[in-house]
Amino acid sequence: MLERFYGTGWLGPARRFAFCEKAVVTVEWVALAAGLTVGAIAISYIVMNGLKAPANHIVNQLSP
């Protein structure tokens, strides 16, 4: 009976996974990892741009 709903072949396991509880947990972990990655990139960008002026100041002080 479930074969009629889920189908057979390569799409059946994908549909079964999409409708099971494990799929929800997987999607949550993927979304969490993506959010952390975007946050890390954003913080890195802000820090690197914020340190450009102090780094140039140090370079000017160290140059003869």
N, C-alpha and C. Protein backbone atom coordinates (compact mmCIF):
# COMPACT_ATOMS: atom_id res chain seq x y z
N MET A 1 0.82 -1.20 0.00
CA MET A 1 0.00 0.00 0.00
C MET A 1 0.86 1.26 0.00
N LEU A 2 1.93 1.27 0.80
CA LEU A 2 2.78 2.46 0.84
C LEU A 2 3.54 2.66 -0.46
N GLU A 3 3.75 1.57 -1.21
CA GLU A 3 4.46 1.72 -2.47
C GLU A 3 3.67 2.59 -3.44
N ARG A 4 2.35 2.55 -3.34
CA ARG A 4 1.52 3.40 -4.21
C ARG A 4 1.69 4.87 -3.84
N PHE A 5 1.83 5.15 -2.54
CA PHE A 5 1.99 6.54 -2.11
C PHE A 5 3.41 7.04 -2.35
N TYR A 6 4.39 6.24 -1.92
CA TYR A 6 5.77 6.67 -2.04
C TYR A 6 6.35 6.42 -3.42
N GLY A 7 5.84 5.45 -4.12
CA GLY A 7 6.38 5.11 -5.42
C GLY A 7 7.55 4.16 -5.29
N THR A 8 7.93 3.62 -6.40
CA THR A 8 9.06 2.71 -6.42
C THR A 8 10.18 3.34 -7.23
N GLY A 9 11.31 2.71 -7.21
CA GLY A 9 12.46 3.25 -7.94
C GLY A 9 13.24 4.20 -7.07
N TRP A 10 13.93 5.14 -7.70
CA TRP A 10 14.83 6.03 -6.96
C TRP A 10 14.08 7.11 -6.19
N LEU A 11 12.84 7.44 -6.58
CA LEU A 11 12.10 8.50 -5.92
C LEU A 11 11.42 8.04 -4.64
N GLY A 12 11.15 6.75 -4.52
CA GLY A 12 10.48 6.21 -3.33
C GLY A 12 11.24 6.48 -2.04
N PRO A 13 12.53 6.13 -1.96
CA PRO A 13 13.27 6.42 -0.72
C PRO A 13 13.35 7.92 -0.42
N ALA A 14 13.43 8.75 -1.43
CA ALA A 14 13.48 10.20 -1.20
C ALA A 14 12.16 10.69 -0.61
N ARG A 15 11.05 10.19 -1.11
CA ARG A 15 9.74 10.58 -0.57
C ARG A 15 9.57 10.06 0.85
N ARG A 16 9.99 8.81 1.11
CA ARG A 16 9.90 8.27 2.46
C ARG A 16 10.71 9.11 3.43
N PHE A 17 11.91 9.53 3.01
CA PHE A 17 12.76 10.36 3.87
C PHE A 17 12.11 11.73 4.10
N ALA A 18 11.49 12.29 3.07
CA ALA A 18 10.89 13.62 3.20
C ALA A 18 9.72 13.64 4.17
N PHE A 19 9.04 12.52 4.32
CA PHE A 19 7.88 12.48 5.19
C PHE A 19 8.16 11.87 6.56
N CYS A 20 9.40 11.52 6.85
CA CYS A 20 9.70 10.95 8.16
C CYS A 20 10.29 12.02 9.08
N GLU A 21 10.34 11.69 10.35
CA GLU A 21 10.82 12.66 11.35
C GLU A 21 12.30 12.96 11.20
N LYS A 22 13.07 12.02 10.69
CA LYS A 22 14.50 12.23 10.51
C LYS A 22 14.77 13.37 9.52
N ALA A 23 13.88 13.53 8.55
CA ALA A 23 14.06 14.60 7.56
C ALA A 23 13.97 15.97 8.23
N VAL A 24 13.06 16.11 9.17
CA VAL A 24 12.90 17.40 9.85
C VAL A 24 14.15 17.72 10.65
N VAL A 25 14.68 16.74 11.35
CA VAL A 25 15.90 16.95 12.15
C VAL A 25 17.06 17.29 11.23
N THR A 26 17.17 16.62 10.10
CA THR A 26 18.25 16.90 9.15
C THR A 26 18.15 18.32 8.61
N VAL A 27 16.94 18.73 8.25
CA VAL A 27 16.75 20.09 7.72
C VAL A 27 17.09 21.12 8.79
N GLU A 28 16.72 20.85 10.03
CA GLU A 28 17.05 21.79 11.11
C GLU A 28 18.56 21.93 11.28
N TRP A 29 19.29 20.82 11.24
CA TRP A 29 20.75 20.88 11.39
C TRP A 29 21.39 21.59 10.20
N VAL A 30 20.88 21.36 9.01
CA VAL A 30 21.43 22.03 7.83
C VAL A 30 21.17 23.53 7.92
N ALA A 31 19.98 23.91 8.34
CA ALA A 31 19.66 25.34 8.49
C ALA A 31 20.53 25.98 9.57
N LEU A 32 20.74 25.28 10.67
CA LEU A 32 21.59 25.80 11.74
C LEU A 32 23.03 25.97 11.27
N ALA A 33 23.55 24.97 10.55
CA ALA A 33 24.92 25.07 10.04
C ALA A 33 25.05 26.20 9.03
N ALA A 34 24.06 26.36 8.17
CA ALA A 34 24.10 27.45 7.19
C ALA A 34 24.05 28.81 7.88
N GLY A 35 23.22 28.93 8.90
CA GLY A 35 23.15 30.19 9.64
C GLY A 35 24.46 30.52 10.35
N LEU A 36 25.09 29.53 10.94
CA LEU A 36 26.38 29.76 11.59
C LEU A 36 27.45 30.14 10.58
N THR A 37 27.42 29.52 9.42
CA THR A 37 28.41 29.84 8.38
C THR A 37 28.23 31.27 7.89
N VAL A 38 27.00 31.66 7.63
CA VAL A 38 26.74 33.04 7.18
C VAL A 38 27.14 34.03 8.27
N GLY A 39 26.84 33.71 9.52
CA GLY A 39 27.23 34.59 10.62
C GLY A 39 28.73 34.73 10.74
N ALA A 40 29.45 33.63 10.59
CA ALA A 40 30.91 33.69 10.67
C ALA A 40 31.50 34.52 9.53
N ILE A 41 30.95 34.37 8.34
CA ILE A 41 31.43 35.16 7.19
C ILE A 41 31.14 36.64 7.43
N ALA A 42 29.96 36.96 7.94
CA ALA A 42 29.61 38.36 8.19
C ALA A 42 30.51 38.98 9.25
N ILE A 43 30.76 38.24 10.33
CA ILE A 43 31.64 38.76 11.39
C ILE A 43 33.06 38.93 10.86
N SER A 44 33.53 37.98 10.06
CA SER A 44 34.88 38.10 9.48
C SER A 44 34.99 39.34 8.60
N TYR A 45 33.97 39.58 7.80
CA TYR A 45 33.96 40.74 6.91
C TYR A 45 34.00 42.04 7.72
N ILE A 46 33.19 42.10 8.78
CA ILE A 46 33.14 43.31 9.61
C ILE A 46 34.48 43.53 10.30
N VAL A 47 35.06 42.48 10.85
CA VAL A 47 36.33 42.60 11.56
C VAL A 47 37.45 43.00 10.60
N MET A 48 37.51 42.38 9.43
CA MET A 48 38.57 42.70 8.47
C MET A 48 38.47 44.14 7.99
N ASN A 49 37.25 44.61 7.74
CA ASN A 49 37.11 46.00 7.31
C ASN A 49 37.36 46.97 8.45
N GLY A 50 37.06 46.57 9.66
CA GLY A 50 37.30 47.44 10.82
C GLY A 50 38.77 47.56 11.17
N LEU A 51 39.58 46.59 10.78
CA LEU A 51 41.00 46.62 11.10
C LEU A 51 41.86 47.21 9.99
N LYS A 52 41.25 47.62 8.90
CA LYS A 52 42.03 48.15 7.78
C LYS A 52 42.75 49.46 8.16
N ALA A 53 42.04 50.38 8.80
CA ALA A 53 42.64 51.66 9.18
C ALA A 53 43.74 51.48 10.24
N PRO A 54 43.52 50.72 11.31
CA PRO A 54 44.61 50.52 12.28
C PRO A 54 45.82 49.81 11.67
N ALA A 55 45.59 48.88 10.76
CA ALA A 55 46.71 48.19 10.11
C ALA A 55 47.51 49.17 9.27
N ASN A 56 46.85 50.05 8.54
CA ASN A 56 47.56 51.05 7.75
C ASN A 56 48.34 52.00 8.65
N HIS A 57 47.78 52.34 9.81
CA HIS A 57 48.47 53.21 10.75
C HIS A 57 49.76 52.55 11.25
N ILE A 58 49.68 51.27 11.56
CA ILE A 58 50.87 50.54 12.02
C ILE A 58 51.91 50.47 10.92
N VAL A 59 51.47 50.23 9.69
CA VAL A 59 52.41 50.17 8.55
C VAL A 59 53.11 51.52 8.39
N ASN A 60 52.37 52.61 8.52
CA ASN A 60 52.98 53.93 8.37
C ASN A 60 53.98 54.22 9.51
N GLN A 61 53.72 53.73 10.69
CA GLN A 61 54.64 53.95 11.80
C GLN A 61 55.90 53.11 11.65
N LEU A 62 55.78 51.93 11.07
CA LEU A 62 56.95 51.05 10.94
C LEU A 62 57.79 51.37 9.71
N SER A 63 57.24 52.05 8.73
CA SER A 63 58.02 52.39 7.53
C SER A 63 59.01 53.50 7.87
N PRO A 64 60.21 53.39 7.28
CA PRO A 64 61.21 54.44 7.55
C PRO A 64 60.90 55.74 6.85
